[in-house]
Amino acid sequence: MSAVWRLATNHGYPHFDPYLAPPQPMQNQIRWLVRLGLDQGLFLRHHALAVQADLGPAAELTDFAQKLIDDGHVADDQLAALEQAAGIALIKGRSGPPADDPFAAPVANTASPPTPALSLRKPTLVPAPVSPVPRAPAPIAPTPVSPPIAAAPSVTAPKIAPAAATTAAATLPHFAIDQLAAMDAPALAAALSKLLRDCARYGASDLHLSAGMVPFMRRNRILVTLGQHRLSADEALRLNLALLTPEQSTLFQEIRDFDYALALDANNRYRVNLMFHKGGASGSYRMVPAKIPRLEDLGLRNLDDVKKLLNYHNGLILVTGPVGSGKTTTLAALVAELNATRQDHIITVEDPIEVVQPAQKCNLTQREVGAHTASFASALKGALREDPDVIIIGELRDLETIEMAITASETGHLVIGTMHTSDAATTLNRLLDVFPPAQQAQIRASVAESLRGILCQRLLPTTNGGVVLAGELLVANSAVVALIRDGKTQGLRNVLETGKREGMYLMENVVFELWEQGKITAETARKNISTRMLQAKIP
């Protein structure tokens, strides 16, 4: 008996009527694909409804998936995830439709075992052979994904792992925004706390609550919307004030910008930035790792050579990368390594404190800009009189802070800091160029003598929906010292390529290797490689 198809109006789109005859296997497969796609944030519900309206009830699974791609609803870097979802849908559709109709309302996630996928490649979709489903597939345990900084459970620190396993087991966070007006202050605070925990469990790195926009989160560098309701100015303000103390609330509304660390409990910490824009209030909540990250879990190359940098008792070590590249997580792991292997006094200056590190073999003092000191520069001035062995600087952001860091590294302290730069040469140029021309020669000499190493990193989207770490390591040898002193930083690339014996490696070579191993797409590789010779090798 053929399934009954009826066009009914729901937000202007046709859909299956779930109360009529059950759909046939092909329609079941499409429903499963839509359900899995919504769970993983591959596309939005209205995208699926529009495709269903265009293709009609006789559409096949491959046609439906291809239409999602052709209409631009699925990004190129999400094709692998769509392939896996299509393979799962092909099998599950034979047994019936999902429990709740994805065309009718948002759905919850369902754990599904990895299965052979349909091949989705523009312009044609060709199904690949699919093996039978085992009777009792083992559930897939969520795998934490490590985003940039030390934040709560979702940016789960250490290992940079594929997101596919997390997606299958975690449930897309849900927040009843339409009930927000009826909530009093305690109920609203409880609801937001639950949403933050749910986002962390889902594997998100950030949650955004902004006036005029639908709430959304970032997971594996991909934005996933939560519902379809746009927050009004009043709703956004109430939400972002919900977890503040009265003093913090007053301060935020006076200065219009506010950074703070939010701890819901020992295992749920967040770095929060609040601000106002033309539409109203906005909040960005960055998850901090629940446990202290370990260097061994970060996926760094030549780990022994990175650890050798930590054996120095003076000098400057820089951890660099763009926003969202995991610098804070790496910095926290370096501190944890020092804390466990040396017997020194460590002072950290952070904005705000994200990963709380109890003292082990070291005496460890953590200071927060705003709460404990006026600025990075003032904290560094004080640190030189506080008998430290190691000074950790959350961010080298201005002339005074950089100057103090270099001075501290020259006066018998090991200084480790972060900068927002993309590679070693750019890092040194940025470090030196903040100084006036009259000081350039002196600063080049100081940096040449004090620099120990630069660790640059990026998080790149993988072909299976996760992220992978790509890095660059510069170790200050005699050639590096000479280039810095002479102002010839353009020659650092050659040193990085010839310094393999000392543990050095070049970012572009690492990216190219990741593409050769099939871990990243050709498009991602091309975006992160500027050398024509390497680009020419990528089809």
Protein backbone atom coordinates (compact mmCIF):
# COMPACT_ATOMS: atom_id res chain seq x y z
CA MET A 1 0.00 0.00 0.00
CA SER A 2 1.49 3.34 -0.96
CA ALA A 3 1.91 5.93 1.71
CA VAL A 4 -0.52 8.80 1.77
CA TRP A 5 1.12 12.15 1.03
CA ARG A 6 -0.70 15.29 1.91
CA LEU A 7 0.40 18.88 1.47
CA ALA A 8 -0.22 20.69 4.72
CA THR A 9 0.90 24.15 5.59
CA ASN A 10 3.48 24.49 8.32
CA HIS A 11 5.45 27.71 8.15
CA GLY A 12 4.73 27.76 4.45
CA TYR A 13 6.24 24.34 3.67
CA PRO A 14 4.61 20.99 2.82
CA HIS A 15 5.30 18.01 5.06
CA PHE A 16 4.29 14.42 5.75
CA ASP A 17 1.14 14.06 7.82
CA PRO A 18 2.25 11.77 10.66
CA TYR A 19 -1.33 10.74 11.43
CA LEU A 20 -1.98 9.17 8.01
CA ALA A 21 -0.62 5.94 6.57
CA PRO A 22 3.00 5.10 7.43
CA PRO A 23 5.63 6.15 4.88
CA GLN A 24 7.39 3.65 2.64
CA PRO A 25 11.08 2.71 3.16
CA MET A 26 12.46 5.48 0.89
CA GLN A 27 10.52 8.12 2.79
CA ASN A 28 11.67 6.53 6.05
CA GLN A 29 15.28 6.90 4.91
CA ILE A 30 14.78 10.57 4.11
CA ARG A 31 13.18 11.16 7.49
CA TRP A 32 16.14 9.48 9.18
CA LEU A 33 18.57 11.58 7.14
CA VAL A 34 16.75 14.76 8.17
CA ARG A 35 16.64 13.72 11.79
CA LEU A 36 20.36 12.92 11.91
CA GLY A 37 21.22 16.06 9.96
CA LEU A 38 19.28 18.27 12.37
CA ASP A 39 20.89 16.57 15.37
CA GLN A 40 24.37 17.23 13.98
CA GLY A 41 23.65 20.79 12.87
CA LEU A 42 24.38 19.99 9.20
CA PHE A 43 21.38 22.03 8.03
CA LEU A 44 18.23 23.64 9.43
CA ARG A 45 14.70 22.26 9.48
CA HIS A 46 13.38 24.77 6.97
CA HIS A 47 16.13 23.71 4.55
CA ALA A 48 14.89 20.12 4.69
CA LEU A 49 11.28 21.23 4.27
CA ALA A 50 12.16 23.31 1.24
CA VAL A 51 14.03 20.39 -0.39
CA GLN A 52 11.13 18.03 0.36
CA ALA A 53 8.71 20.51 -1.23
CA ASP A 54 10.87 20.75 -4.37
CA LEU A 55 11.38 16.99 -4.83
CA GLY A 56 7.96 15.72 -3.75
CA PRO A 57 6.98 12.39 -2.16
CA ALA A 58 8.77 10.20 -4.73
CA ALA A 59 12.23 11.56 -3.93
CA GLU A 60 15.05 9.11 -3.31
CA LEU A 61 17.57 9.41 -0.50
CA THR A 62 20.50 10.24 -2.78
CA ASP A 63 18.47 12.87 -4.64
CA PHE A 64 17.43 14.45 -1.35
CA ALA A 65 21.01 14.58 -0.03
CA GLN A 66 22.35 15.92 -3.34
CA LYS A 67 19.67 18.63 -3.39
CA LEU A 68 20.76 19.76 0.11
CA ILE A 69 24.30 20.14 -1.25
CA ASP A 70 23.34 21.78 -4.55
CA ASP A 71 21.12 24.34 -2.81
CA GLY A 72 24.00 25.31 -0.52
CA HIS A 73 22.39 24.06 2.70
CA VAL A 74 25.39 21.81 3.54
CA ALA A 75 28.90 23.25 3.54
CA ASP A 76 31.74 21.51 1.73
CA ASP A 77 33.52 20.70 4.98
CA GLN A 78 30.37 18.95 6.24
CA LEU A 79 30.07 16.50 3.33
CA ALA A 80 31.75 13.69 5.24
CA ALA A 81 29.29 14.06 8.12
CA LEU A 82 26.38 14.08 5.65
CA GLU A 83 27.75 10.92 4.04
CA GLN A 84 27.82 9.15 7.37
CA ALA A 85 24.31 10.31 8.19
CA ALA A 86 23.09 9.07 4.78
CA GLY A 87 24.65 5.64 5.38
CA ILE A 88 22.93 5.36 8.76
CA ALA A 89 19.63 6.55 7.29
CA LEU A 90 19.81 4.00 4.48
CA ILE A 91 19.88 1.16 7.01
CA LYS A 92 17.55 2.55 9.67
CA GLY A 93 14.91 3.45 7.07
CA ARG A 94 14.38 -0.23 6.28
CA SER A 95 13.05 -0.79 9.79
CA GLY A 96 10.67 2.19 9.90
CA PRO A 97 10.64 5.95 10.46
CA PRO A 98 12.25 7.68 13.47
CA ALA A 99 10.16 7.87 16.62
CA ASP A 100 9.25 11.52 16.09
CA ASP A 101 8.73 13.24 12.75
CA PRO A 102 11.66 15.56 11.93
CA PHE A 103 9.51 17.46 9.44
CA ALA A 104 7.02 18.32 12.15
CA ALA A 105 9.21 19.58 15.00
CA PRO A 106 12.81 19.74 16.27
CA VAL A 107 14.03 16.32 17.35
CA ALA A 108 16.32 14.80 19.91
CA ASN A 109 19.48 12.98 18.97
CA THR A 110 19.74 9.22 18.81
CA ALA A 111 22.92 7.30 19.33
CA SER A 112 23.78 5.39 16.18
CA PRO A 113 26.72 3.15 15.36
CA PRO A 114 29.06 4.24 12.60
CA THR A 115 28.02 2.62 9.36
CA PRO A 116 29.24 2.69 5.78
CA ALA A 117 28.17 5.95 4.19
CA LEU A 118 26.75 6.98 0.87
CA SER A 119 29.31 8.73 -1.27
CA LEU A 120 28.31 12.39 -1.62
CA ARG A 121 30.45 14.09 -4.18
CA LYS A 122 29.39 16.87 -6.47
CA PRO A 123 27.78 16.58 -8.92
CA THR A 124 26.60 12.97 -8.50
CA LEU A 125 25.69 10.80 -5.56
CA VAL A 126 26.54 7.12 -5.78
CA PRO A 127 25.47 4.75 -2.99
CA ALA A 128 28.26 2.62 -1.59
CA PRO A 129 27.72 -0.96 -0.42
CA VAL A 130 26.34 -1.05 3.10
CA SER A 131 26.90 -3.91 5.48
CA PRO A 132 24.00 -5.27 7.58
CA VAL A 133 23.34 -3.67 10.95
CA PRO A 134 24.39 -5.79 13.91
CA ARG A 135 21.57 -6.71 16.25
CA ALA A 136 23.03 -4.99 19.28
CA PRO A 137 25.36 -2.21 18.27
CA ALA A 138 27.51 -0.90 21.07
CA PRO A 139 26.73 2.69 22.00
CA ILE A 140 29.27 5.29 21.08
CA ALA A 141 30.64 7.18 24.05
CA PRO A 142 30.90 10.92 23.69
CA THR A 143 34.42 12.10 22.93
CA PRO A 144 35.37 15.49 24.36
CA VAL A 145 36.54 18.04 21.84
CA SER A 146 39.23 20.50 22.82
CA PRO A 147 38.68 24.06 21.82
CA PRO A 148 40.91 26.94 22.29
CA ILE A 149 41.03 27.87 25.91
CA ALA A 150 40.69 26.41 29.25
CA ALA A 151 37.01 26.32 29.62
CA ALA A 152 34.34 23.95 30.89
CA PRO A 153 33.35 20.43 29.98
CA SER A 154 32.65 21.12 26.40
CA VAL A 155 35.87 22.59 25.39
CA THR A 156 36.97 19.47 26.99
CA ALA A 157 40.52 20.05 27.23
CA PRO A 158 42.95 17.63 26.11
CA LYS A 159 42.67 15.59 23.02
CA ILE A 160 41.56 17.18 19.80
CA ALA A 161 39.24 14.39 18.73
CA PRO A 162 36.74 13.85 15.92
CA ALA A 163 33.24 15.00 16.70
CA ALA A 164 31.44 12.11 15.05
CA ALA A 165 31.31 10.02 18.21
CA THR A 166 30.07 12.92 20.32
CA THR A 167 27.32 13.75 17.87
CA ALA A 168 25.83 10.29 17.99
CA ALA A 169 25.44 10.17 21.75
CA ALA A 170 24.80 13.77 22.80
CA THR A 171 21.42 15.47 22.63
CA LEU A 172 21.02 18.84 20.96
CA PRO A 173 20.54 21.35 23.82
CA HIS A 174 17.03 22.73 24.18
CA PHE A 175 15.96 25.93 25.91
CA ALA A 176 12.32 27.04 26.14
CA ILE A 177 12.87 30.66 25.18
CA ASP A 178 9.15 31.17 24.64
CA GLN A 179 8.72 30.63 28.41
CA LEU A 180 11.40 33.12 29.35
CA ALA A 181 8.94 35.94 30.14
CA ALA A 182 7.21 33.75 32.75
CA MET A 183 10.43 32.87 34.59
CA ASP A 184 11.47 34.73 37.72
CA ALA A 185 15.17 35.44 38.42
CA PRO A 186 15.98 32.11 40.19
CA ALA A 187 14.18 30.06 37.52
CA LEU A 188 15.98 31.93 34.74
CA ALA A 189 19.38 31.41 36.39
CA ALA A 190 18.64 27.69 36.77
CA ALA A 191 17.52 27.41 33.13
CA LEU A 192 20.65 29.16 31.82
CA SER A 193 22.88 27.01 34.03
CA LYS A 194 21.24 23.89 32.60
CA LEU A 195 21.66 25.19 29.05
CA LEU A 196 25.38 25.79 29.63
CA ARG A 197 25.83 22.28 31.01
CA ASP A 198 23.87 20.79 28.10
CA CYS A 199 26.02 22.68 25.58
CA ALA A 200 29.14 21.36 27.31
CA ARG A 201 27.85 17.78 27.16
CA TYR A 202 27.02 18.27 23.48
CA GLY A 203 30.66 19.12 22.79
CA ALA A 204 30.21 22.84 22.09
CA SER A 205 33.07 25.25 22.66
CA ASP A 206 30.96 28.42 22.87
CA LEU A 207 27.37 29.53 23.52
CA HIS A 208 26.14 32.89 22.18
CA LEU A 209 23.10 34.74 23.49
CA SER A 210 22.67 37.98 21.54
CA ALA A 211 19.79 40.42 21.07
CA GLY A 212 18.18 40.19 17.63
CA MET A 213 19.63 36.73 16.94
CA VAL A 214 18.67 33.11 17.46
CA PRO A 215 20.76 31.57 20.29
CA PHE A 216 23.57 29.54 18.76
CA MET A 217 26.62 27.58 19.77
CA ARG A 218 29.89 26.67 18.09
CA ARG A 219 30.85 23.02 17.86
CA ASN A 220 33.97 21.91 16.00
CA ARG A 221 34.13 25.45 14.55
CA ILE A 222 30.62 25.08 13.04
CA LEU A 223 27.70 27.25 14.19
CA VAL A 224 24.58 25.39 15.34
CA THR A 225 21.37 27.33 16.05
CA LEU A 226 19.13 26.48 19.00
CA GLY A 227 15.53 26.84 17.85
CA GLN A 228 14.18 29.62 15.65
CA HIS A 229 13.25 32.31 18.16
CA ARG A 230 15.20 35.56 17.91
CA LEU A 231 15.96 37.09 21.28
CA SER A 232 14.46 40.49 21.94
CA ALA A 233 16.60 43.18 23.58
CA ASP A 234 14.84 42.58 26.91
CA GLU A 235 15.21 38.79 26.70
CA ALA A 236 18.91 39.01 25.84
CA LEU A 237 19.59 41.42 28.70
CA ARG A 238 17.72 39.27 31.24
CA LEU A 239 19.54 36.13 30.11
CA ASN A 240 22.99 37.65 30.24
CA LEU A 241 22.38 39.22 33.65
CA ALA A 242 20.90 36.03 35.11
CA LEU A 243 24.14 34.61 36.53
CA LEU A 244 25.78 37.89 37.60
CA THR A 245 26.01 39.17 41.14
CA PRO A 246 24.28 42.52 41.78
CA GLU A 247 27.69 44.24 41.77
CA GLN A 248 28.70 42.62 38.47
CA SER A 249 25.34 43.47 36.91
CA THR A 250 25.69 47.14 37.85
CA LEU A 251 29.28 47.26 36.58
CA PHE A 252 28.40 45.66 33.24
CA GLN A 253 25.53 48.08 32.59
CA GLU A 254 27.79 51.01 33.45
CA ILE A 255 30.92 50.14 31.43
CA ARG A 256 29.03 48.19 28.70
CA ASP A 257 31.80 45.55 28.45
CA PHE A 258 32.55 42.86 31.01
CA ASP A 259 34.80 39.77 31.16
CA TYR A 260 34.56 37.28 34.00
CA ALA A 261 35.05 33.63 34.89
CA LEU A 262 31.85 31.71 35.69
CA ALA A 263 32.03 28.57 37.85
CA LEU A 264 28.76 26.64 38.14
CA ASP A 265 30.60 23.93 40.07
CA ALA A 266 34.03 22.32 40.20
CA ASN A 267 33.56 20.67 36.80
CA ASN A 268 31.72 23.40 34.92
CA ARG A 269 33.70 26.59 34.32
CA TYR A 270 33.23 29.20 31.60
CA ARG A 271 34.99 32.30 30.35
CA VAL A 272 32.31 34.90 29.70
CA ASN A 273 32.38 38.11 27.68
CA LEU A 274 29.38 40.43 27.90
CA MET A 275 28.89 43.51 25.74
CA PHE A 276 26.29 45.75 24.12
CA HIS A 277 25.76 46.19 20.39
CA LYS A 278 23.20 48.04 18.27
CA GLY A 279 20.51 45.44 19.02
CA GLY A 280 21.09 45.15 22.75
CA ALA A 281 23.07 42.92 25.11
CA SER A 282 25.16 39.97 23.95
CA GLY A 283 27.02 37.24 25.79
CA SER A 284 29.67 34.74 24.66
CA TYR A 285 30.21 31.78 26.98
CA ARG A 286 33.43 29.79 26.34
CA MET A 287 33.59 26.33 27.89
CA VAL A 288 36.69 25.58 29.99
CA PRO A 289 38.09 22.04 30.25
CA ALA A 290 36.75 20.14 33.24
CA LYS A 291 40.16 18.68 33.98
CA ILE A 292 43.64 20.13 33.68
CA PRO A 293 44.95 19.36 30.18
CA ARG A 294 48.11 17.31 29.69
CA LEU A 295 50.67 17.96 26.97
CA GLU A 296 50.45 14.32 25.93
CA ASP A 297 46.75 14.73 25.12
CA LEU A 298 46.98 17.79 22.87
CA GLY A 299 48.28 16.14 19.70
CA LEU A 300 51.50 18.20 19.58
CA ARG A 301 54.34 16.99 17.37
CA ASN A 302 57.87 16.42 18.70
CA LEU A 303 56.59 16.52 22.25
CA ASP A 304 60.04 15.85 23.73
CA ASP A 305 61.41 18.96 22.01
CA VAL A 306 58.50 21.03 23.38
CA LYS A 307 59.27 19.73 26.88
CA LYS A 308 62.94 20.65 26.46
CA LEU A 309 61.88 24.31 26.26
CA LEU A 310 60.46 23.96 29.77
CA ASN A 311 63.88 22.96 31.14
CA TYR A 312 65.15 26.53 30.79
CA HIS A 313 65.26 28.69 33.91
CA ASN A 314 65.18 31.96 32.01
CA GLY A 315 64.12 33.21 28.61
CA LEU A 316 60.93 33.72 26.61
CA ILE A 317 58.57 31.07 25.21
CA LEU A 318 55.63 32.15 23.03
CA VAL A 319 52.44 30.20 22.27
CA THR A 320 50.66 31.75 19.30
CA GLY A 321 47.74 31.21 16.96
CA PRO A 322 44.50 32.82 15.79
CA VAL A 323 41.40 33.09 17.99
CA GLY A 324 39.98 29.65 18.73
CA SER A 325 43.20 27.75 18.06
CA GLY A 326 43.62 26.26 21.55
CA LYS A 327 46.32 28.62 22.87
CA THR A 328 44.88 28.78 26.38
CA THR A 329 44.55 25.01 26.57
CA THR A 330 48.18 24.59 25.48
CA LEU A 331 49.32 27.27 27.93
CA ALA A 332 47.45 25.51 30.76
CA ALA A 333 49.09 22.20 29.79
CA LEU A 334 52.56 23.82 29.87
CA VAL A 335 51.85 25.19 33.35
CA ALA A 336 50.62 21.77 34.48
CA GLU A 337 53.85 20.17 33.18
CA LEU A 338 55.99 22.72 35.06
CA ASN A 339 53.83 22.28 38.16
CA ALA A 340 54.37 18.52 38.13
CA THR A 341 58.08 18.39 37.23
CA ARG A 342 59.79 21.41 38.83
CA GLN A 343 60.06 22.87 42.31
CA ASP A 344 59.65 26.57 41.62
CA HIS A 345 57.41 29.54 42.27
CA ILE A 346 55.02 30.11 39.34
CA ILE A 347 52.98 33.30 38.97
CA THR A 348 50.26 33.44 36.32
CA VAL A 349 48.48 36.59 35.16
CA GLU A 350 45.22 35.83 33.34
CA ASP A 351 42.12 37.64 32.08
CA PRO A 352 40.18 35.90 33.57
CA ILE A 353 41.48 32.81 35.39
CA GLU A 354 40.15 29.86 33.44
CA VAL A 355 41.87 26.61 34.42
CA VAL A 356 42.35 26.51 38.19
CA GLN A 357 45.61 24.68 38.93
CA PRO A 358 46.27 23.52 42.50
CA ALA A 359 49.92 23.59 43.56
CA GLN A 360 51.80 20.31 43.16
CA LYS A 361 55.59 20.38 43.32
CA CYS A 362 55.56 24.12 42.60
CA ASN A 363 54.12 26.99 44.57
CA LEU A 364 51.57 28.40 42.15
CA THR A 365 50.01 31.87 42.39
CA GLN A 366 47.19 32.71 39.93
CA ARG A 367 46.17 36.37 39.50
CA GLU A 368 43.24 37.76 37.52
CA VAL A 369 43.25 41.10 35.72
CA GLY A 370 40.51 43.26 37.23
CA ALA A 371 39.95 41.19 40.36
CA HIS A 372 43.56 41.04 41.60
CA THR A 373 45.50 43.56 39.50
CA ALA A 374 44.79 46.54 37.27
CA SER A 375 46.50 45.21 34.13
CA PHE A 376 48.98 42.69 32.76
CA ALA A 377 51.72 45.34 32.87
CA SER A 378 51.12 46.29 36.51
CA ALA A 379 51.03 42.60 37.51
CA LEU A 380 54.36 42.04 35.76
CA LYS A 381 55.95 44.99 37.55
CA GLY A 382 54.81 43.51 40.84
CA ALA A 383 55.88 39.98 39.86
CA LEU A 384 59.52 41.02 39.56
CA ARG A 385 59.44 41.80 43.32
CA GLU A 386 57.59 38.60 44.28
CA ASP A 387 60.45 36.12 43.87
CA PRO A 388 59.01 34.12 40.91
CA ASP A 389 60.90 31.52 38.88
CA VAL A 390 58.29 31.26 36.11
CA ILE A 391 55.88 33.97 34.95
CA ILE A 392 52.88 33.06 32.79
CA ILE A 393 51.20 35.88 30.86
CA GLY A 394 47.74 35.22 29.45
CA GLU A 395 48.23 37.63 26.54
CA LEU A 396 51.02 39.91 25.29
CA ARG A 397 48.79 42.65 23.98
CA ASP A 398 50.53 46.03 24.32
CA LEU A 399 53.93 47.72 24.35
CA GLU A 400 54.25 47.98 28.12
CA THR A 401 53.35 44.31 28.71
CA ILE A 402 55.72 43.08 25.99
CA GLU A 403 58.54 45.28 27.28
CA MET A 404 58.07 43.99 30.83
CA ALA A 405 57.96 40.39 29.59
CA ILE A 406 61.26 40.80 27.72
CA THR A 407 62.84 42.48 30.74
CA ALA A 408 61.67 39.67 33.03
CA SER A 409 63.04 37.03 30.64
CA GLU A 410 66.44 38.76 30.68
CA THR A 411 66.61 39.02 34.46
CA GLY A 412 66.55 35.32 35.29
CA HIS A 413 62.88 34.35 34.86
CA LEU A 414 61.26 31.91 32.46
CA VAL A 415 58.40 33.83 30.82
CA ILE A 416 55.66 32.10 28.82
CA GLY A 417 53.01 34.14 27.02
CA THR A 418 50.52 34.02 24.16
CA MET A 419 50.02 36.19 21.09
CA HIS A 420 47.41 36.26 18.30
CA THR A 421 49.72 35.55 15.36
CA SER A 422 49.71 32.86 12.68
CA ASP A 423 53.36 31.76 12.37
CA ALA A 424 56.83 32.27 13.86
CA ALA A 425 57.97 35.02 11.47
CA THR A 426 54.76 37.03 11.98
CA THR A 427 55.09 36.57 15.74
CA LEU A 428 58.58 38.06 15.85
CA ASN A 429 57.62 40.93 13.54
CA ARG A 430 54.62 41.75 15.76
CA LEU A 431 56.75 41.48 18.90
CA LEU A 432 59.41 43.85 17.55
CA ASP A 433 57.24 46.28 15.61
CA VAL A 434 55.37 47.54 18.69
CA PHE A 435 58.55 49.34 19.75
CA PRO A 436 59.50 52.77 18.37
CA PRO A 437 62.21 52.82 15.66
CA ALA A 438 64.83 54.21 18.06
CA GLN A 439 64.54 51.07 20.23
CA GLN A 440 64.46 48.51 17.42
CA ALA A 441 68.15 47.55 17.47
CA GLN A 442 68.20 47.20 21.26
CA ILE A 443 64.99 45.14 21.35
CA ARG A 444 66.14 42.85 18.54
CA ALA A 445 69.30 42.12 20.53
CA SER A 446 67.29 41.48 23.71
CA VAL A 447 64.79 39.16 21.99
CA ALA A 448 67.57 37.32 20.15
CA GLU A 449 69.26 36.50 23.46
CA SER A 450 66.13 35.73 25.49
CA LEU A 451 63.91 33.81 23.02
CA ARG A 452 63.79 30.06 23.66
CA GLY A 453 61.06 28.96 21.28
CA ILE A 454 57.78 29.74 19.53
CA LEU A 455 54.93 27.23 19.31
CA CYS A 456 52.30 28.24 16.73
CA GLN A 457 49.07 26.30 16.29
CA ARG A 458 45.74 26.17 14.45
CA LEU A 459 42.67 23.96 14.77
CA LEU A 460 41.52 22.78 11.34
CA PRO A 461 38.18 21.08 10.50
CA THR A 462 38.60 17.42 9.65
CA THR A 463 36.85 15.35 7.01
CA ASN A 464 34.87 13.49 9.68
CA GLY A 465 33.43 16.58 11.34
CA GLY A 466 35.99 17.08 14.11
CA VAL A 467 39.08 19.25 14.42
CA VAL A 468 42.79 18.48 14.21
CA LEU A 469 45.79 20.41 15.51
CA ALA A 470 48.29 21.81 13.00
CA GLY A 471 51.39 23.39 14.46
CA GLU A 472 54.78 25.01 13.92
CA LEU A 473 57.73 24.85 16.31
CA LEU A 474 60.68 27.26 16.19
CA VAL A 475 63.61 26.52 18.50
CA ALA A 476 66.04 29.39 19.03
CA ASN A 477 69.41 28.12 17.75
CA SER A 478 72.41 30.17 16.60
CA ALA A 479 70.91 30.71 13.14
CA VAL A 480 67.64 32.04 14.62
CA VAL A 481 69.55 34.33 17.00
CA ALA A 482 71.55 35.81 14.09
CA LEU A 483 68.45 36.38 11.95
CA ILE A 484 66.59 38.16 14.75
CA ARG A 485 69.57 40.33 15.69
CA ASP A 486 70.08 41.36 12.04
CA GLY A 487 66.35 41.97 11.43
CA LYS A 488 66.15 39.27 8.75
CA THR A 489 63.12 37.36 10.04
CA GLN A 490 62.11 36.47 6.47
CA GLY A 491 64.84 33.82 6.64
CA LEU A 492 63.15 31.93 9.48
CA ARG A 493 61.24 29.73 7.03
CA ASN A 494 64.50 28.20 5.78
CA VAL A 495 65.65 27.59 9.35
CA LEU A 496 62.36 25.86 10.17
CA GLU A 497 62.70 23.58 7.15
CA THR A 498 66.33 22.68 7.88
CA GLY A 499 66.02 22.44 11.66
CA LYS A 500 64.31 19.04 11.86
CA ARG A 501 67.13 17.59 13.96
CA GLU A 502 66.36 20.15 16.64
CA GLY A 503 62.65 19.32 16.55
CA MET A 504 61.51 22.21 14.35
CA TYR A 505 58.67 21.89 11.88
CA LEU A 506 56.86 24.27 9.53
CA MET A 507 53.09 24.90 9.66
CA GLU A 508 52.55 24.52 5.92
CA ASN A 509 54.35 21.16 5.82
CA VAL A 510 52.18 19.88 8.67
CA VAL A 511 49.01 21.05 6.88
CA PHE A 512 50.14 19.34 3.67
CA GLU A 513 50.80 16.09 5.56
CA LEU A 514 47.33 16.23 7.13
CA TRP A 515 45.84 16.54 3.63
CA GLU A 516 47.96 13.62 2.36
CA GLN A 517 46.67 11.52 5.26
CA GLY A 518 43.08 12.37 4.33
CA LYS A 519 42.42 14.13 7.64
CA ILE A 520 41.51 17.49 6.07
CA THR A 521 39.97 18.46 2.74
CA ALA A 522 41.90 19.93 -0.17
CA GLU A 523 40.01 23.19 0.31
CA THR A 524 41.08 23.44 3.97
CA ALA A 525 44.68 22.64 3.00
CA ARG A 526 44.74 25.33 0.30
CA LYS A 527 43.39 27.94 2.73
CA ASN A 528 46.25 27.24 5.14
CA ILE A 529 49.10 26.95 2.63
CA SER A 530 50.54 30.00 0.87
CA THR A 531 53.51 28.36 -0.86
CA ARG A 532 52.80 27.92 -4.57
CA MET A 533 54.90 24.77 -4.79
CA LEU A 534 52.81 23.00 -2.15
CA GLN A 535 49.53 24.40 -3.48
CA ALA A 536 50.37 23.01 -6.92
CA LYS A 537 50.51 19.51 -5.43
CA ILE A 538 46.92 19.76 -4.20
CA PRO A 539 44.35 19.06 -6.97
